Each structure stands twice: as structure tokens, then as C-alpha cells.
Amino acid sequence: MHRYVVIELKTDKARPAHLGQLGFYVTVVDDLVRDKERDDPTLGILIAKSRDKGTIEYALRSNNAPLAVSTYAALPPHVRELMPSAEDLSRIADDILDGDGAAG
């Protein structure tokens, strides 16, 4: 299997709008980066602080892209260790919004 994976991290509860945004990113990678003759379709993964299972199921039904939703707590421990915490992401976002972060 050879495919691109787009991971979106959210420090709050997963919402349908997040899946729309993630679907947009997956479509962009599919169109501009993926080699359609060699690569499988791009996979999108949303990792959020929490989720409402029913809401997410409805949101995923209307999306044709391969998307998945998980929470930080549901990640296997060895994967969770590699991910920034919700607190880390909040701190980084606050630093950038306050102008303290290094802009590229």
C-alpha cells in the first residue's frame, strides 16, 4: 500500500465542519500531489479532543473521501507518544496568535 495520509489535529471536540475542512485537504493532495497511477487514494484522519459518535457518523456518510476520526485518548499508547498533546497544540496556537511564535 502506498498512499498519502493527511492528519488534522484539533484541540476541541470534533465537528462536522472539521471533516469538511479535512476533506478539502485530502482532495488537494489527491489532485496536486498523488500519482494516480501509483498511489492509492489519500486518507484523511481527524484526531480531536473528543467526539460525538452519532454526529460524526452522519458527517462521514456524506463524504466520499476515505476519512477517519479518533480522539487522543483512543490512540494506541505508542502512537499517542508521537503526537503533540492538546495542551501543546493550544500553547503553540496561542503563541502564534499572540505574535510570539516564529513565522516562516
C-alpha atoms as a PDB file:
ATOM      1  CA  MET A   1       0.000   0.000   0.000  1.00  0.00           C
ATOM      2  CA  HIS A   2       1.364   3.390  -0.990  1.00  0.00           C
ATOM      3  CA  ARG A   3      -0.716   6.429  -0.145  1.00  0.00           C
ATOM      4  CA  TYR A   4      -0.562   9.882   1.347  1.00  0.00           C
ATOM      5  CA  VAL A   5      -2.129  10.478   4.746  1.00  0.00           C
ATOM      6  CA  VAL A   6      -3.387  13.894   5.852  1.00  0.00           C
ATOM      7  CA  ILE A   7      -3.677  14.239   9.626  1.00  0.00           C
ATOM      8  CA  GLU A   8      -5.562  17.125  11.176  1.00  0.00           C
ATOM      9  CA  LEU A   9      -5.281  17.737  14.910  1.00  0.00           C
ATOM     10  CA  LYS A  10      -7.964  19.597  16.838  1.00  0.00           C
ATOM     11  CA  THR A  11      -7.741  20.640  20.485  1.00  0.00           C
ATOM     12  CA  ASP A  12     -11.510  20.706  20.844  1.00  0.00           C
ATOM     13  CA  LYS A  13     -14.439  18.394  20.073  1.00  0.00           C
ATOM     14  CA  ALA A  14     -14.670  17.016  16.515  1.00  0.00           C
ATOM     15  CA  ARG A  15     -17.348  18.803  14.485  1.00  0.00           C
ATOM     16  CA  PRO A  16     -18.798  18.176  11.020  1.00  0.00           C
ATOM     17  CA  ALA A  17     -17.084  21.344   9.767  1.00  0.00           C
ATOM     18  CA  HIS A  18     -13.720  19.795  10.658  1.00  0.00           C
ATOM     19  CA  LEU A  19     -14.481  16.872   8.365  1.00  0.00           C
ATOM     20  CA  GLY A  20     -15.382  19.249   5.548  1.00  0.00           C
ATOM     21  CA  GLN A  21     -12.059  21.014   6.012  1.00  0.00           C
ATOM     22  CA  LEU A  22     -10.173  17.709   6.153  1.00  0.00           C
ATOM     23  CA  GLY A  23     -11.977  16.512   3.016  1.00  0.00           C
ATOM     24  CA  PHE A  24     -10.797  19.671   1.269  1.00  0.00           C
ATOM     25  CA  TYR A  25      -7.168  18.951   2.241  1.00  0.00           C
ATOM     26  CA  VAL A  26      -7.469  15.334   1.079  1.00  0.00           C
ATOM     27  CA  THR A  27      -8.848  16.479  -2.280  1.00  0.00           C
ATOM     28  CA  VAL A  28      -5.982  18.951  -2.738  1.00  0.00           C
ATOM     29  CA  VAL A  29      -3.367  16.267  -2.003  1.00  0.00           C
ATOM     30  CA  ASP A  30      -5.144  13.841  -4.349  1.00  0.00           C
ATOM     31  CA  ASP A  31      -5.194  16.394  -7.181  1.00  0.00           C
ATOM     32  CA  LEU A  32      -1.812  18.085  -6.761  1.00  0.00           C
ATOM     33  CA  VAL A  33       0.494  15.555  -5.091  1.00  0.00           C
ATOM     34  CA  ARG A  34      -0.732  11.994  -5.559  1.00  0.00           C
ATOM     35  CA  ASP A  35       0.406   9.978  -8.584  1.00  0.00           C
ATOM     36  CA  LYS A  36      -2.903   8.380  -9.583  1.00  0.00           C
ATOM     37  CA  GLU A  37      -1.173   5.521 -11.405  1.00  0.00           C
ATOM     38  CA  ARG A  38       0.977   4.553  -8.422  1.00  0.00           C
ATOM     39  CA  ASP A  39      -0.649   5.836  -5.222  1.00  0.00           C
ATOM     40  CA  ASP A  40      -3.825   4.680  -3.511  1.00  0.00           C
ATOM     41  CA  PRO A  41      -6.352   7.418  -2.638  1.00  0.00           C
ATOM     42  CA  THR A  42      -5.253   9.840   0.069  1.00  0.00           C
ATOM     43  CA  LEU A  43      -6.520   9.042   3.566  1.00  0.00           C
ATOM     44  CA  GLY A  44      -7.640  11.779   5.958  1.00  0.00           C
ATOM     45  CA  ILE A  45      -7.504  11.324   9.731  1.00  0.00           C
ATOM     46  CA  LEU A  46      -9.001  13.791  12.188  1.00  0.00           C
ATOM     47  CA  ILE A  47      -7.720  13.499  15.759  1.00  0.00           C
ATOM     48  CA  ALA A  48      -9.685  15.587  18.222  1.00  0.00           C
ATOM     49  CA  LYS A  49     -10.002  16.001  21.962  1.00  0.00           C
ATOM     50  CA  SER A  50     -13.426  14.332  21.902  1.00  0.00           C
ATOM     51  CA  ARG A  51     -16.236  13.382  19.528  1.00  0.00           C
ATOM     52  CA  ASP A  52     -19.926  12.622  19.433  1.00  0.00           C
ATOM     53  CA  LYS A  53     -20.157   9.275  17.649  1.00  0.00           C
ATOM     54  CA  GLY A  54     -23.618   9.891  16.150  1.00  0.00           C
ATOM     55  CA  THR A  55     -22.734  13.327  14.801  1.00  0.00           C
ATOM     56  CA  ILE A  56     -19.501  12.060  13.265  1.00  0.00           C
ATOM     57  CA  GLU A  57     -21.261   9.079  11.652  1.00  0.00           C
ATOM     58  CA  TYR A  58     -23.727  11.433   9.958  1.00  0.00           C
ATOM     59  CA  ALA A  59     -20.943  13.742   8.815  1.00  0.00           C
ATOM     60  CA  LEU A  60     -18.917  10.850   7.383  1.00  0.00           C
ATOM     61  CA  ARG A  61     -21.886   9.415   5.443  1.00  0.00           C
ATOM     62  CA  SER A  62     -22.000  12.360   3.087  1.00  0.00           C
ATOM     63  CA  ASN A  63     -18.277  12.366   2.371  1.00  0.00           C
ATOM     64  CA  ASN A  64     -16.781  10.242  -0.408  1.00  0.00           C
ATOM     65  CA  ALA A  65     -13.142  10.643   0.653  1.00  0.00           C
ATOM     66  CA  PRO A  66     -11.598   7.991   2.919  1.00  0.00           C
ATOM     67  CA  LEU A  67     -11.742   9.789   6.288  1.00  0.00           C
ATOM     68  CA  ALA A  68     -11.442   8.586   9.875  1.00  0.00           C
ATOM     69  CA  VAL A  69     -11.972  10.267  13.233  1.00  0.00           C
ATOM     70  CA  SER A  70     -10.318   9.408  16.515  1.00  0.00           C
ATOM     71  CA  THR A  71      -9.653  11.039  19.856  1.00  0.00           C
ATOM     72  CA  TYR A  72      -6.315  11.447  21.577  1.00  0.00           C
ATOM     73  CA  ALA A  73      -7.416   9.010  24.280  1.00  0.00           C
ATOM     74  CA  ALA A  74      -8.373   6.320  21.738  1.00  0.00           C
ATOM     75  CA  LEU A  75      -4.947   6.298  20.078  1.00  0.00           C
ATOM     76  CA  PRO A  76      -2.685   3.366  20.949  1.00  0.00           C
ATOM     77  CA  PRO A  77      -0.095   4.436  23.567  1.00  0.00           C
ATOM     78  CA  HIS A  78       2.858   4.124  21.160  1.00  0.00           C
ATOM     79  CA  VAL A  79       1.103   6.439  18.677  1.00  0.00           C
ATOM     80  CA  ARG A  80      -0.054   8.869  21.378  1.00  0.00           C
ATOM     81  CA  GLU A  81       3.571   9.338  22.462  1.00  0.00           C
ATOM     82  CA  LEU A  82       4.405  10.640  18.973  1.00  0.00           C
ATOM     83  CA  MET A  83       1.560  13.166  18.891  1.00  0.00           C
ATOM     84  CA  PRO A  84       1.586  16.609  20.471  1.00  0.00           C
ATOM     85  CA  SER A  85      -0.827  16.905  23.364  1.00  0.00           C
ATOM     86  CA  ALA A  86      -3.909  19.112  23.232  1.00  0.00           C
ATOM     87  CA  GLU A  87      -2.117  21.441  25.647  1.00  0.00           C
ATOM     88  CA  ASP A  88       0.960  21.614  23.369  1.00  0.00           C
ATOM     89  CA  LEU A  89      -1.202  22.473  20.366  1.00  0.00           C
ATOM     90  CA  SER A  90      -3.106  25.118  22.321  1.00  0.00           C
ATOM     91  CA  ARG A  91       0.141  26.691  23.548  1.00  0.00           C
ATOM     92  CA  ILE A  92       1.596  26.779  20.017  1.00  0.00           C
ATOM     93  CA  ALA A  93      -1.594  28.296  18.598  1.00  0.00           C
ATOM     94  CA  ASP A  94      -1.660  30.912  21.379  1.00  0.00           C
ATOM     95  CA  ASP A  95       1.993  31.789  20.741  1.00  0.00           C
ATOM     96  CA  ILE A  96       1.346  32.249  17.023  1.00  0.00           C
ATOM     97  CA  LEU A  97      -1.800  34.292  17.550  1.00  0.00           C
ATOM     98  CA  ASP A  98      -0.040  36.471  20.143  1.00  0.00           C
ATOM     99  CA  GLY A  99       2.821  37.090  17.717  1.00  0.00           C
ATOM    100  CA  ASP A 100       5.380  35.304  19.911  1.00  0.00           C
ATOM    101  CA  GLY A 101       5.826  32.369  17.539  1.00  0.00           C
ATOM    102  CA  ALA A 102       8.449  32.269  14.839  1.00  0.00           C
ATOM    103  CA  ALA A 103       6.840  32.879  11.477  1.00  0.00           C
ATOM    104  CA  GLY A 104       8.388  31.262   8.396  1.00  0.00           C
END
